[in-house]
Protein backbone atom coordinates (compact mmCIF):
# COMPACT_ATOMS: atom_id res chain seq x y z
CA MET A 1 241.03 332.90 -54.65
CA ALA A 2 239.58 328.87 -54.51
CA GLY A 3 238.13 329.00 -57.24
CA VAL A 4 241.20 329.73 -58.84
CA VAL A 5 243.01 327.09 -57.04
CA LEU A 6 240.45 324.41 -58.45
CA PHE A 7 242.09 325.34 -62.05
CA GLY A 8 245.24 323.28 -60.26
CA SER A 9 243.34 320.13 -59.35
CA PRO A 10 244.23 318.32 -62.84
CA TRP A 11 247.77 318.41 -61.96
CA LEU A 12 247.23 316.10 -58.55
CA PRO A 13 249.00 312.88 -58.43
CA THR A 14 247.85 310.86 -60.60
CA ALA A 15 247.58 307.95 -58.28
CA LEU A 16 244.31 309.88 -57.49
CA PRO A 17 241.06 309.07 -58.71
CA PRO A 18 239.96 311.08 -61.77
CA ALA A 19 237.03 311.73 -59.95
CA LEU A 20 239.36 313.77 -57.63
CA ARG A 21 241.51 315.49 -59.96
CA TYR A 22 238.63 316.41 -62.68
CA GLY A 23 236.05 316.51 -60.17
CA PRO A 24 236.54 320.25 -58.74
CA LEU A 25 237.14 321.80 -62.46
CA LEU A 26 232.97 321.74 -62.41
CA LEU A 27 232.72 323.94 -59.07
CA THR A 28 234.68 326.42 -60.41
CA VAL A 29 231.71 328.59 -62.39
CA PRO A 30 229.35 328.38 -59.28
CA VAL A 31 232.61 329.04 -56.92
CA GLY A 32 233.27 332.49 -59.48
CA ILE A 33 229.83 333.73 -59.20
CA GLY A 34 229.85 333.06 -55.79
CA ALA A 35 232.81 335.10 -55.21
CA ILE A 36 230.99 338.11 -57.53
CA VAL A 37 228.05 338.06 -55.58
CA SER A 38 229.96 338.04 -52.43
CA GLY A 39 231.78 340.68 -53.54
CA ILE A 40 229.38 343.07 -54.66
CA ASN A 41 227.65 342.87 -51.53
CA SER A 42 230.46 343.75 -49.67
CA LEU A 43 231.06 347.05 -51.54
CA LEU A 44 228.22 348.06 -51.94
CA PRO A 45 227.52 349.17 -47.83
CA VAL A 46 231.66 350.66 -47.74
CA ARG A 47 230.61 353.13 -50.51
CA ASP A 48 231.96 355.98 -49.02
CA ASP A 49 235.13 354.03 -47.39
CA ASP A 50 238.71 354.32 -48.22
CA GLY A 51 240.02 351.12 -46.49
CA VAL A 52 241.09 347.56 -46.82
CA ARG A 53 237.63 346.36 -46.87
CA ARG A 54 236.99 348.34 -50.24
CA TRP A 55 240.13 346.56 -51.97
CA ARG A 56 239.29 343.28 -50.72
CA ALA A 57 235.45 343.06 -51.87
CA ARG A 58 237.27 344.19 -55.88
CA THR A 59 239.48 341.59 -55.57
CA GLY A 60 237.05 339.22 -54.68
CA ILE A 61 234.86 340.92 -57.77
CA ALA A 62 238.07 340.42 -59.91
CA LEU A 63 238.69 337.15 -59.12
CA GLY A 64 235.30 335.65 -59.38
CA VAL A 65 235.17 337.11 -62.99
CA LEU A 66 238.46 335.31 -63.73
CA THR A 67 237.43 332.23 -62.75
CA VAL A 68 233.57 332.50 -64.93
CA ILE A 69 235.68 333.97 -67.76
CA ILE A 70 238.49 331.26 -68.12
CA PRO A 71 235.89 328.04 -68.62
CA VAL A 72 234.04 329.78 -71.00
CA VAL A 73 236.94 331.13 -73.12
CA LEU A 74 238.23 327.79 -73.18
CA VAL A 75 234.93 325.93 -73.98
CA ALA A 76 234.61 328.22 -76.72
CA ILE A 77 237.77 327.91 -78.02
CA GLY A 78 237.47 323.73 -77.61
CA TYR A 79 233.59 323.99 -79.62
CA LEU A 80 235.58 325.94 -82.45
CA MET A 81 238.40 323.30 -81.94
CA LEU A 82 236.12 320.82 -82.51
CA SER A 83 233.73 322.37 -85.17
CA GLN A 84 236.50 322.43 -87.52
CA ALA A 85 237.82 318.95 -86.81
CA TYR A 86 234.46 317.97 -87.79
CA ALA A 87 234.48 320.18 -91.22
CA HIS A 88 237.54 319.00 -92.15
CA ALA A 89 236.45 315.49 -91.60
CA GLN A 90 233.42 315.59 -94.24
């Protein structure tokens, strides 16, 4: 959940320095990868158990994947938009 919360940092008050507003965005992918690894490590020992631990591990994996995929998609969209703008400028 921490990785998903980091996406909200640009909407912090403008009185804060830009490093505090946009810096946490750099941590989203590492936090997401950590969530995926931690979820998989928690899921393996409870393979036969149908309890809360299994549900929490799957939720951690899902949020980790979401935290990794969103920045990758946004960077890809930005790259495509910039390459199209560059092609039209020439």
